[in-house]
N, C-alpha and C. Protein backbone atom coordinates (compact mmCIF):
# COMPACT_ATOMS: atom_id res chain seq x y z
N UNK A 1 217.77 165.36 227.54
CA UNK A 1 217.48 164.12 227.43
C UNK A 1 215.99 163.20 228.12
N UNK A 2 216.96 163.71 229.61
CA UNK A 2 216.04 163.34 230.74
C UNK A 2 214.62 163.63 230.55
N UNK A 3 214.32 164.45 230.28
CA UNK A 3 212.67 165.17 230.58
C UNK A 3 211.66 164.56 229.53
N UNK A 4 212.08 164.22 228.39
CA UNK A 4 211.64 163.57 227.58
C UNK A 4 211.63 162.24 227.91
N UNK A 5 211.82 161.42 228.75
CA UNK A 5 212.59 160.03 229.00
C UNK A 5 210.97 159.91 230.53
N UNK A 6 210.96 161.22 230.97
CA UNK A 6 210.04 161.48 232.52
C UNK A 6 208.48 161.52 231.71
N UNK A 7 208.70 162.55 230.47
CA UNK A 7 207.48 162.38 229.49
C UNK A 7 206.93 160.98 229.17
N UNK A 8 207.27 160.16 228.34
CA UNK A 8 207.04 159.32 228.15
C UNK A 8 206.54 158.37 229.06
N UNK A 9 207.85 157.84 230.01
CA UNK A 9 207.16 157.19 231.21
C UNK A 9 206.11 157.68 231.59
N UNK A 10 205.94 159.09 232.08
CA UNK A 10 204.51 159.26 232.70
C UNK A 10 203.28 158.66 231.91
N UNK A 11 204.08 158.22 230.96
CA UNK A 11 202.39 158.05 229.85
C UNK A 11 202.56 156.26 229.91
N UNK A 12 203.38 156.00 230.18
CA UNK A 12 203.84 154.38 229.97
C UNK A 12 203.91 153.61 230.92
N UNK A 13 203.90 154.25 231.67
CA UNK A 13 204.69 153.85 232.82
C UNK A 13 203.69 151.89 233.44
N UNK A 14 204.12 150.94 233.86
CA UNK A 14 202.91 149.84 233.51
C UNK A 14 202.56 150.40 235.34
N UNK A 15 202.21 150.20 236.35
CA UNK A 15 202.30 150.62 236.85
C UNK A 15 201.86 152.12 237.84
N UNK A 16 200.90 152.70 237.09
CA UNK A 16 201.61 154.46 237.51
C UNK A 16 200.79 154.28 239.00
N UNK A 17 201.38 155.90 239.51
CA UNK A 17 200.99 155.33 241.13
C UNK A 17 199.80 157.26 241.04
N UNK A 18 199.39 156.57 242.42
CA UNK A 18 198.10 158.23 242.73
C UNK A 18 197.55 158.35 241.55
N UNK A 19 196.27 158.00 242.17
CA UNK A 19 195.08 158.28 240.47
C UNK A 19 193.80 159.52 241.85
N UNK A 20 193.97 160.28 241.40
CA UNK A 20 192.64 161.22 242.63
C UNK A 20 191.68 161.87 241.64
N UNK A 21 191.36 160.82 240.48
CA UNK A 21 189.92 161.90 239.89
C UNK A 21 189.42 160.81 239.64
N UNK A 22 189.44 159.94 240.56
CA UNK A 22 188.27 159.35 240.99
C UNK A 22 186.72 159.63 240.65
N UNK A 23 186.68 160.55 241.36
CA UNK A 23 185.24 160.81 241.25
C UNK A 23 184.94 162.03 240.29
N UNK A 24 186.06 162.32 239.74
CA UNK A 24 185.33 163.28 238.40
C UNK A 24 185.47 162.04 236.51
N UNK A 25 186.29 160.99 237.64
CA UNK A 25 185.87 160.32 236.12
C UNK A 25 184.00 159.99 236.82
N UNK A 26 184.11 158.98 237.70
CA UNK A 26 182.91 158.48 237.96
C UNK A 26 181.98 159.69 238.24
N UNK A 27 181.52 160.96 237.63
CA UNK A 27 180.98 162.56 236.90
C UNK A 27 180.95 162.09 235.38
N UNK A 28 181.87 161.83 235.01
CA UNK A 28 182.06 162.31 233.09
C UNK A 28 181.37 160.35 233.20
N UNK A 29 181.37 159.61 233.67
CA UNK A 29 180.49 158.03 233.33
C UNK A 29 178.75 158.31 233.81
N UNK A 30 178.78 158.97 234.77
CA UNK A 30 176.79 159.03 234.68
C UNK A 30 176.93 159.97 233.62
N UNK A 31 177.43 161.38 233.66
CA UNK A 31 176.96 162.38 232.45
C UNK A 31 177.14 161.87 231.02
N UNK A 32 177.79 160.88 231.06
CA UNK A 32 177.89 160.27 229.56
C UNK A 32 176.84 159.00 229.29
N UNK A 33 176.54 158.25 230.30
CA UNK A 33 175.29 157.64 230.37
C UNK A 33 173.76 158.80 230.87
N UNK A 34 173.83 159.46 231.24
CA UNK A 34 172.06 160.21 231.31
C UNK A 34 172.40 160.85 229.85
N UNK A 35 173.52 160.97 229.45
CA UNK A 35 173.10 161.94 227.66
C UNK A 35 172.85 161.09 227.13
N UNK A 36 173.08 159.66 226.89
CA UNK A 36 172.65 158.41 226.29
C UNK A 36 171.64 158.50 226.56
N UNK A 37 171.12 158.34 227.64
CA UNK A 37 169.42 157.71 228.02
C UNK A 37 168.57 158.87 227.10
N UNK A 38 169.26 160.71 227.88
CA UNK A 38 168.23 161.99 226.63
C UNK A 38 168.57 161.47 225.24
N UNK A 39 169.83 161.39 225.01
CA UNK A 39 169.73 161.84 223.76
C UNK A 39 168.92 160.26 222.71
N UNK A 40 168.92 159.18 223.72
CA UNK A 40 168.11 157.75 223.19
C UNK A 40 166.56 158.04 222.84
N UNK A 41 165.93 159.55 224.30
CA UNK A 41 164.77 159.46 223.89
C UNK A 41 163.93 160.51 222.92
N UNK A 42 165.50 161.21 222.53
CA UNK A 42 164.92 162.53 221.36
C UNK A 42 165.33 161.70 220.31
N UNK A 43 166.06 160.82 219.84
CA UNK A 43 166.27 160.13 219.04
C UNK A 43 164.90 159.57 219.10
N UNK A 44 164.37 158.39 219.69
CA UNK A 44 163.17 157.82 219.04
C UNK A 44 161.68 159.13 218.61
N UNK A 45 161.65 159.87 219.77
CA UNK A 45 160.54 160.97 219.13
C UNK A 45 161.03 161.31 217.16
N UNK A 46 161.73 161.63 217.54
CA UNK A 46 162.20 162.55 215.69
C UNK A 46 162.75 161.31 214.86
N UNK A 47 163.05 160.39 215.31
CA UNK A 47 163.41 159.60 214.15
C UNK A 47 161.80 159.04 212.90
N UNK A 48 160.78 159.48 213.79
CA UNK A 48 159.45 158.96 213.72
C UNK A 48 159.10 159.84 211.89
N UNK A 49 159.51 161.29 212.29
CA UNK A 49 159.05 162.91 211.46
C UNK A 49 160.61 162.93 210.55
N UNK A 50 161.48 162.43 210.76
CA UNK A 50 162.78 163.13 210.30
C UNK A 50 163.72 162.31 209.56
N UNK A 51 163.59 161.62 208.50
CA UNK A 51 164.70 160.72 208.17
C UNK A 51 166.15 161.12 207.87
N UNK A 52 165.71 162.27 208.08
CA UNK A 52 168.14 162.68 207.99
C UNK A 52 168.26 163.17 209.40
N UNK A 53 167.66 162.70 210.06
CA UNK A 53 167.99 163.22 211.45
C UNK A 53 168.43 161.49 212.19
N UNK A 54 167.69 161.07 211.18
CA UNK A 54 167.82 159.37 211.71
C UNK A 54 169.07 158.74 210.80
N UNK A 55 169.17 159.17 210.25
CA UNK A 55 170.00 158.30 208.76
C UNK A 55 171.50 158.70 210.05
N UNK A 56 171.35 160.16 210.36
CA UNK A 56 172.91 160.43 210.42
C UNK A 56 173.16 160.72 211.85
N UNK A 57 172.89 160.27 213.10
CA UNK A 57 172.78 160.06 214.44
C UNK A 57 172.38 158.96 215.08
N UNK A 58 172.14 158.11 213.98
CA UNK A 58 171.67 155.95 214.57
C UNK A 58 172.63 155.86 215.37
N UNK A 59 173.90 156.10 215.22
CA UNK A 59 174.62 155.16 216.11
C UNK A 59 175.18 156.21 217.75
N UNK A 60 174.73 156.94 217.67
CA UNK A 60 174.68 158.30 218.39
C UNK A 60 175.54 157.67 220.72
N UNK A 61 173.99 157.30 220.44
CA UNK A 61 173.38 156.41 221.43
C UNK A 61 174.15 156.09 222.44
N UNK A 62 174.39 154.11 221.53
CA UNK A 62 175.31 153.41 221.83
C UNK A 62 177.06 153.74 221.80
N UNK A 63 177.20 154.70 220.83
CA UNK A 63 178.82 154.94 220.97
C UNK A 63 178.87 156.15 222.13
N UNK A 64 177.79 156.61 223.17
CA UNK A 64 177.57 157.33 224.22
C UNK A 64 177.71 156.21 225.01
N UNK A 65 176.92 155.37 225.19
CA UNK A 65 177.40 154.26 225.79
C UNK A 65 178.65 153.54 226.29
N UNK A 66 178.99 152.90 224.66
CA UNK A 66 180.38 152.77 224.46
C UNK A 66 181.88 153.68 225.56
N UNK A 67 181.66 154.50 225.49
CA UNK A 67 182.50 155.18 226.25
C UNK A 67 182.75 155.46 227.00
N UNK A 68 181.15 155.45 228.24
CA UNK A 68 180.77 155.18 229.02
C UNK A 68 181.48 154.24 229.98
N UNK A 69 181.20 153.09 229.01
CA UNK A 69 181.55 151.94 229.31
C UNK A 69 182.99 151.47 229.69
N UNK A 70 183.66 151.89 228.67
CA UNK A 70 185.72 151.85 228.60
C UNK A 70 185.81 152.77 229.12
N UNK A 71 184.97 153.82 229.50
CA UNK A 71 185.53 154.67 231.15
C UNK A 71 185.67 153.82 232.27
N UNK A 72 184.68 153.59 232.53
CA UNK A 72 184.81 152.24 233.94
C UNK A 72 185.33 151.50 234.00
N UNK A 73 185.35 150.51 232.67
CA UNK A 73 186.31 149.89 232.88
C UNK A 73 187.66 150.29 232.98
N UNK A 74 187.97 151.74 232.74
CA UNK A 74 189.40 151.65 232.77
C UNK A 74 190.30 152.50 234.45
N UNK A 75 188.30 152.85 235.01
CA UNK A 75 188.90 153.54 236.59
C UNK A 75 188.69 152.40 237.44
N UNK A 76 188.03 151.15 236.63
CA UNK A 76 188.59 149.92 237.81
C UNK A 76 189.86 149.03 237.36
N UNK A 77 190.33 149.51 236.12
CA UNK A 77 191.50 148.73 236.14
C UNK A 77 192.61 149.45 236.83
N UNK A 78 192.08 150.48 236.94
CA UNK A 78 192.89 152.23 237.41
C UNK A 78 193.24 151.85 238.74
N UNK A 79 192.16 151.58 239.76
CA UNK A 79 191.88 151.83 241.06
C UNK A 79 192.09 150.19 241.31
N UNK A 80 191.90 149.03 240.85
CA UNK A 80 192.67 147.84 240.84
C UNK A 80 194.49 148.14 241.01
N UNK A 81 195.03 148.74 240.14
CA UNK A 81 196.52 148.63 239.92
C UNK A 81 197.12 147.53 238.50
N UNK A 82 195.75 147.21 238.25
CA UNK A 82 196.68 146.00 237.30
C UNK A 82 197.75 146.42 236.02
N UNK A 83 199.19 146.00 236.34
CA UNK A 83 199.78 146.32 235.99
C UNK A 83 199.68 146.57 234.02
N UNK A 84 200.08 147.28 233.22
CA UNK A 84 199.87 147.79 232.07
C UNK A 84 198.22 147.56 231.59
N UNK A 85 197.76 147.30 231.93
CA UNK A 85 196.09 148.33 231.89
C UNK A 85 195.55 148.92 232.55
N UNK A 86 196.31 149.49 233.58
CA UNK A 86 196.07 150.58 234.30
C UNK A 86 196.94 152.12 233.86
N UNK A 87 197.46 151.78 232.70
CA UNK A 87 198.50 152.99 231.90
C UNK A 87 197.37 154.22 231.08
N UNK A 88 198.25 155.29 232.10
CA UNK A 88 197.38 156.43 231.20
C UNK A 88 197.37 156.50 230.38
N UNK A 89 197.87 156.10 229.41
CA UNK A 89 197.99 155.77 227.88
C UNK A 89 197.06 155.62 227.64
N UNK A 90 196.45 154.28 227.74
CA UNK A 90 194.64 154.09 227.20
C UNK A 90 193.72 154.86 227.58
N UNK A 91 194.07 155.71 229.01
CA UNK A 91 192.89 156.10 229.20
C UNK A 91 192.58 158.12 228.53
N UNK A 92 194.42 158.28 228.55
CA UNK A 92 194.48 159.63 227.92
C UNK A 92 193.19 159.30 226.11
N UNK A 93 194.01 158.01 225.49
CA UNK A 93 193.69 157.20 224.45
C UNK A 93 191.75 157.63 224.45
N UNK A 94 191.40 156.90 224.69
CA UNK A 94 190.21 156.97 225.16
C UNK A 94 189.43 158.86 225.02
N UNK A 95 190.33 159.30 226.36
CA UNK A 95 189.52 160.55 226.61
C UNK A 95 189.89 160.90 225.22
N UNK A 96 191.33 161.10 224.30
CA UNK A 96 190.83 161.76 223.17
C UNK A 96 189.76 161.89 222.00
N UNK A 97 189.72 159.97 221.82
CA UNK A 97 188.87 159.43 221.29
C UNK A 97 187.76 160.35 221.27
N UNK A 98 187.04 160.07 222.41
CA UNK A 98 186.03 160.40 222.95
C UNK A 98 185.27 162.19 222.51
N UNK A 99 187.17 162.55 222.76
CA UNK A 99 186.81 164.42 222.46
C UNK A 99 186.45 164.41 221.21
N UNK A 100 187.18 163.36 220.28
CA UNK A 100 186.83 163.63 218.63
C UNK A 100 185.28 163.33 218.27
N UNK A 101 184.98 161.83 218.34
CA UNK A 101 184.09 161.65 218.50
C UNK A 101 182.32 163.03 218.88
N UNK A 102 182.96 163.76 220.00
CA UNK A 102 182.22 164.53 220.39
C UNK A 102 181.38 165.43 219.79
N UNK A 103 183.17 166.67 218.82
CA UNK A 103 183.74 167.63 218.19
C UNK A 103 182.80 166.43 216.86
N UNK A 104 182.87 166.03 216.08
CA UNK A 104 182.62 164.87 214.55
C UNK A 104 181.01 165.71 215.81
N UNK A 105 180.17 165.34 216.29
CA UNK A 105 178.68 164.48 216.22
C UNK A 105 178.78 166.51 216.34
N UNK A 106 179.49 167.16 217.53
CA UNK A 106 178.72 168.62 217.26
C UNK A 106 178.75 169.06 215.86
N UNK A 107 179.41 169.05 215.17
CA UNK A 107 179.94 169.54 213.54
C UNK A 107 178.68 168.85 212.71
N UNK A 108 179.27 167.36 213.09
CA UNK A 108 177.45 166.78 211.60
C UNK A 108 176.25 167.43 211.68
N UNK A 109 176.77 167.89 213.42
CA UNK A 109 174.62 168.84 214.01
C UNK A 109 174.43 169.86 212.85
N UNK A 110 175.52 170.25 213.28
CA UNK A 110 175.36 171.95 213.72
C UNK A 110 175.68 172.06 211.87
N UNK A 111 176.48 171.69 210.89
CA UNK A 111 176.69 171.80 209.64
C UNK A 111 176.70 170.98 208.41
N UNK A 112 176.67 169.16 208.55
CA UNK A 112 175.66 168.41 207.65
C UNK A 112 174.78 168.44 207.98
N UNK A 113 173.91 167.86 209.69
CA UNK A 113 172.75 167.84 209.17
C UNK A 113 171.64 169.36 209.30
N UNK A 114 172.02 170.54 209.00
CA UNK A 114 171.28 171.31 208.66
C UNK A 114 171.35 171.65 207.09
N UNK A 115 172.26 171.09 206.37
CA UNK A 115 172.69 170.97 205.50
C UNK A 115 172.23 169.97 204.57
N UNK A 116 171.63 168.64 204.72
CA UNK A 116 170.81 167.90 204.49
C UNK A 116 169.40 168.50 204.63
N UNK A 117 168.71 168.64 205.87
CA UNK A 117 167.56 169.09 206.11
C UNK A 117 167.44 169.83 205.42
N UNK A 118 167.93 170.70 204.43
CA UNK A 118 167.44 171.90 203.57
C UNK A 118 168.05 171.58 202.47
N UNK A 119 168.55 170.59 201.92
CA UNK A 119 168.66 169.87 200.94
C UNK A 119 166.91 168.89 200.45
N UNK A 120 166.40 168.25 201.77
CA UNK A 120 165.19 167.38 201.49
C UNK A 120 163.92 168.21 202.00
N UNK A 121 164.35 169.88 202.34
CA UNK A 121 163.04 170.22 202.47
C UNK A 121 162.46 170.91 200.79
N UNK A 122 163.84 171.34 200.22
CA UNK A 122 163.75 171.94 199.00
C UNK A 122 163.65 170.77 197.32
N UNK A 123 163.70 169.98 198.20
CA UNK A 123 163.34 168.26 196.96
C UNK A 123 162.20 168.26 197.38
N UNK A 124 161.50 167.73 198.43
CA UNK A 124 160.62 167.43 198.56
C UNK A 124 159.31 169.02 198.49
N UNK A 125 159.67 170.41 198.39
CA UNK A 125 158.81 171.22 197.46
C UNK A 125 159.19 171.14 196.44
N UNK A 126 160.19 171.09 195.60
CA UNK A 126 160.03 170.73 193.61
C UNK A 126 159.25 169.29 193.21
N UNK A 127 159.59 168.48 194.56
CA UNK A 127 158.35 166.79 194.41
C UNK A 127 156.91 167.36 194.63
N UNK A 128 156.31 168.29 195.29
CA UNK A 128 155.20 169.01 195.55
C UNK A 128 154.44 169.35 194.61
N UNK A 129 155.33 170.48 193.77
CA UNK A 129 155.14 171.78 192.68
C UNK A 129 154.88 170.92 191.24
N UNK A 130 155.97 169.91 191.34
CA UNK A 130 156.03 168.43 189.95
C UNK A 130 154.68 167.97 189.51
N UNK A 131 154.25 167.24 190.76
CA UNK A 131 153.05 166.45 191.43
C UNK A 131 151.70 167.48 191.06
N UNK A 132 151.62 168.95 190.98
CA UNK A 132 150.69 169.51 190.95
C UNK A 132 150.15 169.81 189.61
N UNK A 133 151.60 170.15 188.93
CA UNK A 133 150.95 170.37 187.78
C UNK A 133 150.77 168.96 186.85
N UNK A 134 150.10 169.67 186.08
CA UNK A 134 149.20 168.68 184.77
C UNK A 134 149.96 168.38 183.47
N UNK A 135 149.71 166.95 182.63
CA UNK A 135 149.85 167.47 181.27
C UNK A 135 148.70 168.36 181.04
N UNK A 136 149.29 168.93 179.82
CA UNK A 136 148.50 169.80 178.56
C UNK A 136 148.80 169.00 177.75
N UNK A 137 147.70 168.32 176.08
CA UNK A 137 148.32 168.42 175.57
C UNK A 137 148.94 169.46 174.32
N UNK A 138 149.44 169.56 173.86
CA UNK A 138 150.28 170.78 173.05
C UNK A 138 149.15 170.24 172.12
N UNK A 139 148.76 171.98 171.68
CA UNK A 139 147.89 172.27 169.90
C UNK A 139 148.44 171.75 168.73
N UNK A 140 147.50 171.18 168.15
CA UNK A 140 147.99 171.06 166.95
C UNK A 140 148.07 171.85 165.71
């Protein structure tokens, strides 16, 4: 029973001690911002020619900026030691949502995007075939 209490106390202690991951967190925040800038440039170039990419990845760069901002706020709160706001629970929840977002984005690119792109290409080909055929009146 004591080990369960210690496990939950680790996550929800009001003022946790000892935070040695500030450099690692700053590196993660920097990578998120750099990735968001790079993805913004890629998105801006691809959205003109690829409507599927434009529709599926519209919010990706904004979400990356959001997670970088959240991690920066949580890092500042943890550094200052503000009770209840610097709990490990908030950091782990945010990290869990970020991992879910990343996995969902990767799945969307490798599975859903490829299917939608193939479907769009098929529809464009069939529309091109229909437009080249001319109507010929039937003989009486």
